[in-house]
Amino acid sequence: MTQQFCWLDSSVALHWIHGNGDYKQFVANRAEKIRQHNGVEWRHVNADENPEESPADLASRGGSVGEKDLWWNGPML
């Protein structure tokens, strides 16, 4: 199995994924779906280390991720 690393700039969302808290239904359902993906290690990147155009931000800003090398290869740090 391939190990994948996924990065979040939201420490709250990372806590939801790692935690076993008593979350409201919306958060609980989404966190559970994320946890079902085996081989994924979730990590946090600080906002000051996160480039203006990060892979995680492409889709939410209306960009086409299929055309972006950043989406497939990650930021060059």
Protein backbone atom coordinates (compact mmCIF):
# COMPACT_ATOMS: atom_id res chain seq x y z
CA MET A 1 0.00 0.00 0.00
CA THR A 2 1.26 3.46 -0.88
CA GLN A 3 1.69 5.89 2.00
CA GLN A 4 0.08 9.24 1.24
CA PHE A 5 0.63 12.49 3.09
CA CYS A 6 -2.15 15.04 3.13
CA TRP A 7 -1.61 18.51 4.51
CA LEU A 8 -4.09 20.84 6.17
CA ASP A 9 -3.69 24.47 7.14
CA SER A 10 -6.62 24.11 9.54
CA SER A 11 -5.61 22.81 12.95
CA VAL A 12 -9.31 22.50 13.82
CA ALA A 13 -10.01 20.17 10.89
CA LEU A 14 -6.91 18.15 11.75
CA HIS A 15 -8.20 17.76 15.30
CA TRP A 16 -11.57 16.56 13.95
CA ILE A 17 -9.81 13.93 11.82
CA HIS A 18 -7.53 12.71 14.63
CA GLY A 19 -9.95 13.17 17.49
CA ASN A 20 -12.72 11.03 18.83
CA GLY A 21 -14.77 13.90 20.19
CA ASP A 22 -18.51 14.19 20.36
CA TYR A 23 -19.01 16.17 17.14
CA LYS A 24 -22.22 17.34 15.56
CA GLN A 25 -23.55 15.11 12.80
CA PHE A 26 -22.07 17.05 9.85
CA VAL A 27 -18.52 17.04 11.21
CA ALA A 28 -18.76 13.50 12.59
CA ASN A 29 -19.91 12.09 9.23
CA ARG A 30 -17.19 13.83 7.22
CA ALA A 31 -14.42 12.99 9.68
CA GLU A 32 -15.50 9.34 9.57
CA LYS A 33 -15.39 9.31 5.75
CA ILE A 34 -11.89 10.77 5.84
CA ARG A 35 -10.72 8.18 8.41
CA GLN A 36 -11.89 5.34 6.12
CA HIS A 37 -9.01 6.05 3.72
CA ASN A 38 -6.19 3.74 4.76
CA GLY A 39 -2.58 4.71 4.17
CA VAL A 40 -3.17 8.46 4.57
CA GLU A 41 -1.21 10.41 7.13
CA TRP A 42 -2.69 13.83 7.88
CA ARG A 43 -0.31 16.63 8.76
CA HIS A 44 -0.53 20.33 9.56
CA VAL A 45 1.21 23.17 7.74
CA ASN A 46 1.36 26.57 9.42
CA ALA A 47 -0.28 29.45 7.57
CA ASP A 48 3.03 31.32 7.27
CA GLU A 49 4.59 28.27 5.57
CA ASN A 50 1.61 27.75 3.26
CA PRO A 51 2.16 29.37 -0.15
CA GLU A 52 -0.54 31.69 -1.47
CA GLU A 53 -1.50 29.08 -4.03
CA SER A 54 -1.41 25.75 -2.25
CA PRO A 55 -2.72 22.45 -3.64
CA ALA A 56 -5.50 22.43 -1.05
CA ASP A 57 -6.69 25.87 -2.11
CA LEU A 58 -6.88 25.32 -5.88
CA ALA A 59 -10.33 23.75 -6.02
CA SER A 60 -11.86 26.09 -3.46
CA ARG A 61 -10.71 29.13 -5.44
CA GLY A 62 -12.32 28.03 -8.68
CA GLY A 63 -9.13 26.91 -10.38
CA SER A 64 -8.81 23.88 -12.59
CA VAL A 65 -6.78 21.33 -10.66
CA GLY A 66 -6.28 19.16 -13.74
CA GLU A 67 -4.05 21.76 -15.34
CA LYS A 68 -1.98 22.59 -12.29
CA ASP A 69 1.34 20.89 -11.70
CA LEU A 70 1.07 22.06 -8.09
CA TRP A 71 -1.95 19.79 -7.54
CA TRP A 72 -0.11 16.65 -8.61
CA ASN A 73 3.34 17.38 -7.17
CA GLY A 74 2.76 19.67 -4.18
CA PRO A 75 4.54 22.88 -3.31
CA MET A 76 8.26 23.20 -3.77
CA LEU A 77 9.41 24.12 -0.26
